[in-house]
Amino acid sequence: MILESIVTTLNEDGSANVSPMGPNVTHNFDRFELRPFNTSRTFANLKRTRTGVLHVTDDVQLFARAAIGQLEPLPEFFLAKKVNGQVIADSCRWYEFEVDYIDETGPRMNLNCRTLHAGRNRDFWGFNRAKHAVLEAAIMATRLEFLPADVIREQFTRLHTTIAKTGGPQEIDAFEMLCEFVGHEHRKPSSA
């Protein structure tokens, strides 16, 4: 099963890199597979350190901010217990992991990971339709190079209706931030 999550890794300078990712997970989270692009900072960090922290969270603003690289201010962290890494303090659960194997044969890397330690910070509040819609919009915002602009506009229009009907301030703010980002990126001149 693919589970939308947030992965933290350590950059070369020791700072935290925060990235949304949809790993294939097992039911008990003892093992999972990450599939970052080979050009991503997350992949470079995992290839270099072979450790990270996978977070389960219901904070859709964090997903949206991480998807479009607008993480200032960074979330609050504390040190991981079993790996050299950072745990997001407001996550629901976290899984400190080690990369056992890396397959670099495709455009997306396959990293087989093993959980070394798990923890829990708070209850998972849950998702309503608006939270799901923000997650979909955040995923689309990471696919601007692959999807036609008209498809993205159509999907954002559809998602707007759901968020307006079922969302609260957090979901509305996150969606507006994503809309602004997508609109700005589509107005940029093409490099082709």
C-alpha atoms as a PDB file:
ATOM      1  CA  MET A   1       0.000   0.000   0.000  1.00  0.00           C
ATOM      2  CA  ILE A   2       1.240   3.509  -0.785  1.00  0.00           C
ATOM      3  CA  LEU A   3       1.013   5.845   2.196  1.00  0.00           C
ATOM      4  CA  GLU A   4       1.505   9.587   1.826  1.00  0.00           C
ATOM      5  CA  SER A   5       4.147  10.587   4.330  1.00  0.00           C
ATOM      6  CA  ILE A   6       6.972  13.000   5.036  1.00  0.00           C
ATOM      7  CA  VAL A   7      10.595  11.848   4.979  1.00  0.00           C
ATOM      8  CA  THR A   8      13.402  13.716   6.693  1.00  0.00           C
ATOM      9  CA  THR A   9      17.027  13.191   5.733  1.00  0.00           C
ATOM     10  CA  LEU A  10      20.200  15.032   6.632  1.00  0.00           C
ATOM     11  CA  ASN A  11      21.914  17.344   4.176  1.00  0.00           C
ATOM     12  CA  GLU A  12      25.710  17.425   3.997  1.00  0.00           C
ATOM     13  CA  ASP A  13      25.780  20.444   6.335  1.00  0.00           C
ATOM     14  CA  GLY A  14      23.697  18.558   8.947  1.00  0.00           C
ATOM     15  CA  SER A  15      20.486  20.501   8.287  1.00  0.00           C
ATOM     16  CA  ALA A  16      17.205  18.674   7.814  1.00  0.00           C
ATOM     17  CA  ASN A  17      15.714  18.033   4.384  1.00  0.00           C
ATOM     18  CA  VAL A  18      11.920  17.593   4.498  1.00  0.00           C
ATOM     19  CA  SER A  19      10.221  15.868   1.580  1.00  0.00           C
ATOM     20  CA  PRO A  20       6.749  14.448   0.915  1.00  0.00           C
ATOM     21  CA  MET A  21       6.932  10.885  -0.320  1.00  0.00           C
ATOM     22  CA  GLY A  22       4.554   8.012  -0.982  1.00  0.00           C
ATOM     23  CA  PRO A  23       6.368   4.833   0.047  1.00  0.00           C
ATOM     24  CA  ASN A  24       5.056   1.309  -0.364  1.00  0.00           C
ATOM     25  CA  VAL A  25       4.652   0.140   3.222  1.00  0.00           C
ATOM     26  CA  THR A  26       3.923  -3.141   4.931  1.00  0.00           C
ATOM     27  CA  HIS A  27       1.056  -3.336   7.396  1.00  0.00           C
ATOM     28  CA  ASN A  28       3.347  -3.224  10.432  1.00  0.00           C
ATOM     29  CA  PHE A  29       5.868  -0.750   8.923  1.00  0.00           C
ATOM     30  CA  ASP A  30       8.822  -3.041   9.562  1.00  0.00           C
ATOM     31  CA  ARG A  31       9.915  -2.610   5.932  1.00  0.00           C
ATOM     32  CA  PHE A  32       9.027  -0.174   3.159  1.00  0.00           C
ATOM     33  CA  GLU A  33      10.174   0.987  -0.253  1.00  0.00           C
ATOM     34  CA  LEU A  34      10.948   4.598  -1.140  1.00  0.00           C
ATOM     35  CA  ARG A  35      10.966   5.718  -4.790  1.00  0.00           C
ATOM     36  CA  PRO A  36      12.605   9.159  -5.055  1.00  0.00           C
ATOM     37  CA  PHE A  37      13.729  10.630  -8.339  1.00  0.00           C
ATOM     38  CA  ASN A  38      17.474  10.267  -8.937  1.00  0.00           C
ATOM     39  CA  THR A  39      17.854  14.076  -9.111  1.00  0.00           C
ATOM     40  CA  SER A  40      16.237  14.742  -5.720  1.00  0.00           C
ATOM     41  CA  ARG A  41      18.053  15.950  -2.637  1.00  0.00           C
ATOM     42  CA  THR A  42      16.309  13.183  -0.674  1.00  0.00           C
ATOM     43  CA  PHE A  43      17.899  10.535  -2.891  1.00  0.00           C
ATOM     44  CA  ALA A  44      21.352  12.143  -2.652  1.00  0.00           C
ATOM     45  CA  ASN A  45      21.056  12.259   1.133  1.00  0.00           C
ATOM     46  CA  LEU A  46      19.813   8.663   1.424  1.00  0.00           C
ATOM     47  CA  LYS A  47      22.525   7.389  -0.902  1.00  0.00           C
ATOM     48  CA  ARG A  48      25.158   9.180   1.198  1.00  0.00           C
ATOM     49  CA  THR A  49      23.852   8.457   4.742  1.00  0.00           C
ATOM     50  CA  ARG A  50      21.582   5.413   4.167  1.00  0.00           C
ATOM     51  CA  THR A  51      19.315   6.581   7.015  1.00  0.00           C
ATOM     52  CA  GLY A  52      16.256   8.780   7.487  1.00  0.00           C
ATOM     53  CA  VAL A  53      12.944   9.172   9.282  1.00  0.00           C
ATOM     54  CA  LEU A  54       9.506   8.454   7.788  1.00  0.00           C
ATOM     55  CA  HIS A  55       6.639  10.458   9.351  1.00  0.00           C
ATOM     56  CA  VAL A  56       2.903   9.821   9.399  1.00  0.00           C
ATOM     57  CA  THR A  57       1.061  13.103   9.875  1.00  0.00           C
ATOM     58  CA  ASP A  58      -2.310  14.711   9.272  1.00  0.00           C
ATOM     59  CA  ASP A  59      -0.754  18.182   8.796  1.00  0.00           C
ATOM     60  CA  VAL A  60      -1.722  19.001   5.204  1.00  0.00           C
ATOM     61  CA  GLN A  61      -0.049  22.405   5.386  1.00  0.00           C
ATOM     62  CA  LEU A  62       3.267  20.644   5.977  1.00  0.00           C
ATOM     63  CA  PHE A  63       2.608  18.361   2.989  1.00  0.00           C
ATOM     64  CA  ALA A  64       1.783  21.377   0.790  1.00  0.00           C
ATOM     65  CA  ARG A  65       4.758  23.435   1.970  1.00  0.00           C
ATOM     66  CA  ALA A  66       7.175  20.515   1.533  1.00  0.00           C
ATOM     67  CA  ALA A  67       5.812  19.692  -1.937  1.00  0.00           C
ATOM     68  CA  ILE A  68       6.576  23.170  -3.257  1.00  0.00           C
ATOM     69  CA  GLY A  69       9.737  23.824  -1.243  1.00  0.00           C
ATOM     70  CA  GLN A  70       8.298  26.593   0.950  1.00  0.00           C
ATOM     71  CA  LEU A  71       9.380  25.299   4.351  1.00  0.00           C
ATOM     72  CA  GLU A  72      10.300  28.549   6.060  1.00  0.00           C
ATOM     73  CA  PRO A  73       9.949  28.329   8.919  1.00  0.00           C
ATOM     74  CA  LEU A  74      10.999  24.716   9.237  1.00  0.00           C
ATOM     75  CA  PRO A  75       8.893  22.532  11.514  1.00  0.00           C
ATOM     76  CA  GLU A  76      10.184  21.853  15.021  1.00  0.00           C
ATOM     77  CA  PHE A  77      12.403  18.753  15.292  1.00  0.00           C
ATOM     78  CA  PHE A  78      13.983  16.536  17.907  1.00  0.00           C
ATOM     79  CA  LEU A  79      16.842  14.063  17.490  1.00  0.00           C
ATOM     80  CA  ALA A  80      16.083  10.534  16.332  1.00  0.00           C
ATOM     81  CA  LYS A  81      17.035   7.771  18.766  1.00  0.00           C
ATOM     82  CA  LYS A  82      18.563   5.045  16.528  1.00  0.00           C
ATOM     83  CA  VAL A  83      19.707   6.918  13.415  1.00  0.00           C
ATOM     84  CA  ASN A  84      21.488  10.189  12.775  1.00  0.00           C
ATOM     85  CA  GLY A  85      18.358  12.136  11.858  1.00  0.00           C
ATOM     86  CA  GLN A  86      15.590  14.560  12.778  1.00  0.00           C
ATOM     87  CA  VAL A  87      12.040  13.715  13.883  1.00  0.00           C
ATOM     88  CA  ILE A  88       9.241  16.199  13.174  1.00  0.00           C
ATOM     89  CA  ALA A  89       7.887  17.051  16.637  1.00  0.00           C
ATOM     90  CA  ASP A  90       4.265  17.467  15.508  1.00  0.00           C
ATOM     91  CA  SER A  91       4.070  14.223  13.526  1.00  0.00           C
ATOM     92  CA  CYS A  92       1.657  11.539  14.663  1.00  0.00           C
ATOM     93  CA  ARG A  93       4.075   8.616  14.307  1.00  0.00           C
ATOM     94  CA  TRP A  94       7.609   8.235  13.032  1.00  0.00           C
ATOM     95  CA  TYR A  95       9.800   5.418  11.784  1.00  0.00           C
ATOM     96  CA  GLU A  96      13.578   5.711  11.902  1.00  0.00           C
ATOM     97  CA  PHE A  97      15.007   3.624   9.076  1.00  0.00           C
ATOM     98  CA  GLU A  98      18.080   2.304   7.355  1.00  0.00           C
ATOM     99  CA  VAL A  99      18.376   1.733   3.601  1.00  0.00           C
ATOM    100  CA  ASP A 100      19.260  -1.919   2.950  1.00  0.00           C
ATOM    101  CA  TYR A 101      19.385  -1.856  -0.856  1.00  0.00           C
ATOM    102  CA  ILE A 102      19.309   0.732  -3.657  1.00  0.00           C
ATOM    103  CA  ASP A 103      18.256  -0.093  -7.224  1.00  0.00           C
ATOM    104  CA  GLU A 104      19.314   2.748  -9.537  1.00  0.00           C
ATOM    105  CA  THR A 105      18.253   1.195 -12.860  1.00  0.00           C
ATOM    106  CA  GLY A 106      15.203   3.395 -13.586  1.00  0.00           C
ATOM    107  CA  PRO A 107      14.234   7.087 -13.552  1.00  0.00           C
ATOM    108  CA  ARG A 108      12.850   6.528 -10.045  1.00  0.00           C
ATOM    109  CA  MET A 109      15.180   4.912  -7.581  1.00  0.00           C
ATOM    110  CA  ASN A 110      13.983   1.956  -5.495  1.00  0.00           C
ATOM    111  CA  LEU A 111      15.257   2.004  -1.937  1.00  0.00           C
ATOM    112  CA  ASN A 112      14.393  -0.936   0.288  1.00  0.00           C
ATOM    113  CA  CYS A 113      14.283   0.270   3.871  1.00  0.00           C
ATOM    114  CA  ARG A 114      14.106  -1.395   7.270  1.00  0.00           C
ATOM    115  CA  THR A 115      12.615   0.268  10.349  1.00  0.00           C
ATOM    116  CA  LEU A 116      15.039   0.420  13.280  1.00  0.00           C
ATOM    117  CA  HIS A 117      12.881   2.373  15.736  1.00  0.00           C
ATOM    118  CA  ALA A 118       9.314   3.714  15.834  1.00  0.00           C
ATOM    119  CA  GLY A 119       7.667   6.314  18.013  1.00  0.00           C
ATOM    120  CA  ARG A 120       4.388   8.103  18.564  1.00  0.00           C
ATOM    121  CA  ASN A 121       3.851  11.799  19.343  1.00  0.00           C
ATOM    122  CA  ARG A 122       0.082  12.223  19.191  1.00  0.00           C
ATOM    123  CA  ASP A 123      -3.138  10.759  17.885  1.00  0.00           C
ATOM    124  CA  PHE A 124      -3.860  10.931  14.176  1.00  0.00           C
ATOM    125  CA  TRP A 125      -6.703  13.441  13.941  1.00  0.00           C
ATOM    126  CA  GLY A 126      -7.891  12.026  10.640  1.00  0.00           C
ATOM    127  CA  PHE A 127      -8.643  13.229   7.160  1.00  0.00           C
ATOM    128  CA  ASN A 128     -11.795  14.789   5.803  1.00  0.00           C
ATOM    129  CA  ARG A 129     -12.432  15.261   2.075  1.00  0.00           C
ATOM    130  CA  ALA A 130     -10.661  18.643   2.081  1.00  0.00           C
ATOM    131  CA  LYS A 131      -7.475  17.167   3.567  1.00  0.00           C
ATOM    132  CA  HIS A 132      -7.482  14.500   0.859  1.00  0.00           C
ATOM    133  CA  ALA A 133      -8.024  17.191  -1.776  1.00  0.00           C
ATOM    134  CA  VAL A 134      -5.045  19.209  -0.494  1.00  0.00           C
ATOM    135  CA  LEU A 135      -2.884  16.077  -0.645  1.00  0.00           C
ATOM    136  CA  GLU A 136      -3.941  15.511  -4.271  1.00  0.00           C
ATOM    137  CA  ALA A 137      -3.195  19.155  -5.112  1.00  0.00           C
ATOM    138  CA  ALA A 138       0.229  18.919  -3.430  1.00  0.00           C
ATOM    139  CA  ILE A 139       1.067  15.802  -5.439  1.00  0.00           C
ATOM    140  CA  MET A 140       0.017  17.555  -8.655  1.00  0.00           C
ATOM    141  CA  ALA A 141       2.174  20.557  -7.756  1.00  0.00           C
ATOM    142  CA  THR A 142       5.172  18.207  -7.821  1.00  0.00           C
ATOM    143  CA  ARG A 143       4.213  16.989 -11.312  1.00  0.00           C
ATOM    144  CA  LEU A 144       4.169  20.299 -13.209  1.00  0.00           C
ATOM    145  CA  GLU A 145       6.926  19.113 -15.551  1.00  0.00           C
ATOM    146  CA  PHE A 146       4.963  15.977 -16.488  1.00  0.00           C
ATOM    147  CA  LEU A 147       1.307  17.041 -16.676  1.00  0.00           C
ATOM    148  CA  PRO A 148      -0.248  19.490 -19.173  1.00  0.00           C
ATOM    149  CA  ALA A 149      -1.288  22.843 -17.689  1.00  0.00           C
ATOM    150  CA  ASP A 150      -4.936  22.389 -18.724  1.00  0.00           C
ATOM    151  CA  VAL A 151      -5.149  19.048 -16.879  1.00  0.00           C
ATOM    152  CA  ILE A 152      -3.758  20.636 -13.713  1.00  0.00           C
ATOM    153  CA  ARG A 153      -6.137  23.620 -13.977  1.00  0.00           C
ATOM    154  CA  GLU A 154      -9.108  21.276 -14.420  1.00  0.00           C
ATOM    155  CA  GLN A 155      -8.109  19.186 -11.418  1.00  0.00           C
ATOM    156  CA  PHE A 156      -7.476  22.242  -9.231  1.00  0.00           C
ATOM    157  CA  THR A 157     -10.947  23.575 -10.148  1.00  0.00           C
ATOM    158  CA  ARG A 158     -12.515  20.269  -9.106  1.00  0.00           C
ATOM    159  CA  LEU A 159     -10.492  20.141  -5.870  1.00  0.00           C
ATOM    160  CA  HIS A 160     -11.410  23.753  -5.029  1.00  0.00           C
ATOM    161  CA  THR A 161     -15.085  22.793  -4.776  1.00  0.00           C
ATOM    162  CA  THR A 162     -14.331  20.006  -2.297  1.00  0.00           C
ATOM    163  CA  ILE A 163     -12.069  22.205  -0.175  1.00  0.00           C
ATOM    164  CA  ALA A 164     -14.557  25.091  -0.134  1.00  0.00           C
ATOM    165  CA  LYS A 165     -17.361  22.750   1.009  1.00  0.00           C
ATOM    166  CA  THR A 166     -15.511  20.635   3.596  1.00  0.00           C
ATOM    167  CA  GLY A 167     -12.303  22.419   4.579  1.00  0.00           C
ATOM    168  CA  GLY A 168     -11.270  24.502   7.527  1.00  0.00           C
ATOM    169  CA  PRO A 169      -8.709  27.322   7.675  1.00  0.00           C
ATOM    170  CA  GLN A 170      -5.691  24.964   7.471  1.00  0.00           C
ATOM    171  CA  GLU A 171      -6.942  23.267   4.310  1.00  0.00           C
ATOM    172  CA  ILE A 172      -8.048  26.521   2.673  1.00  0.00           C
ATOM    173  CA  ASP A 173      -4.684  28.205   3.399  1.00  0.00           C
ATOM    174  CA  ALA A 174      -2.727  25.187   2.111  1.00  0.00           C
ATOM    175  CA  PHE A 175      -4.782  25.031  -1.094  1.00  0.00           C
ATOM    176  CA  GLU A 176      -4.431  28.781  -1.747  1.00  0.00           C
ATOM    177  CA  MET A 177      -0.653  28.457  -1.342  1.00  0.00           C
ATOM    178  CA  LEU A 178      -0.607  25.571  -3.852  1.00  0.00           C
ATOM    179  CA  CYS A 179      -2.812  27.509  -6.317  1.00  0.00           C
ATOM    180  CA  GLU A 180      -0.483  30.498  -6.123  1.00  0.00           C
ATOM    181  CA  PHE A 181       2.569  28.291  -6.683  1.00  0.00           C
ATOM    182  CA  VAL A 182       1.042  26.455  -9.652  1.00  0.00           C
ATOM    183  CA  GLY A 183      -0.163  29.721 -11.218  1.00  0.00           C
ATOM    184  CA  HIS A 184       3.277  31.273 -10.818  1.00  0.00           C
ATOM    185  CA  GLU A 185       5.056  28.232 -12.294  1.00  0.00           C
ATOM    186  CA  HIS A 186       2.718  28.132 -15.293  1.00  0.00           C
ATOM    187  CA  ARG A 187       3.368  31.824 -16.010  1.00  0.00           C
ATOM    188  CA  LYS A 188       7.144  31.245 -16.238  1.00  0.00           C
ATOM    189  CA  PRO A 189       8.560  31.215 -19.772  1.00  0.00           C
ATOM    190  CA  SER A 190       9.292  27.740 -21.090  1.00  0.00           C
ATOM    191  CA  SER A 191      12.944  26.732 -21.201  1.00  0.00           C
ATOM    192  CA  ALA A 192      12.350  24.560 -24.289  1.00  0.00           C
END
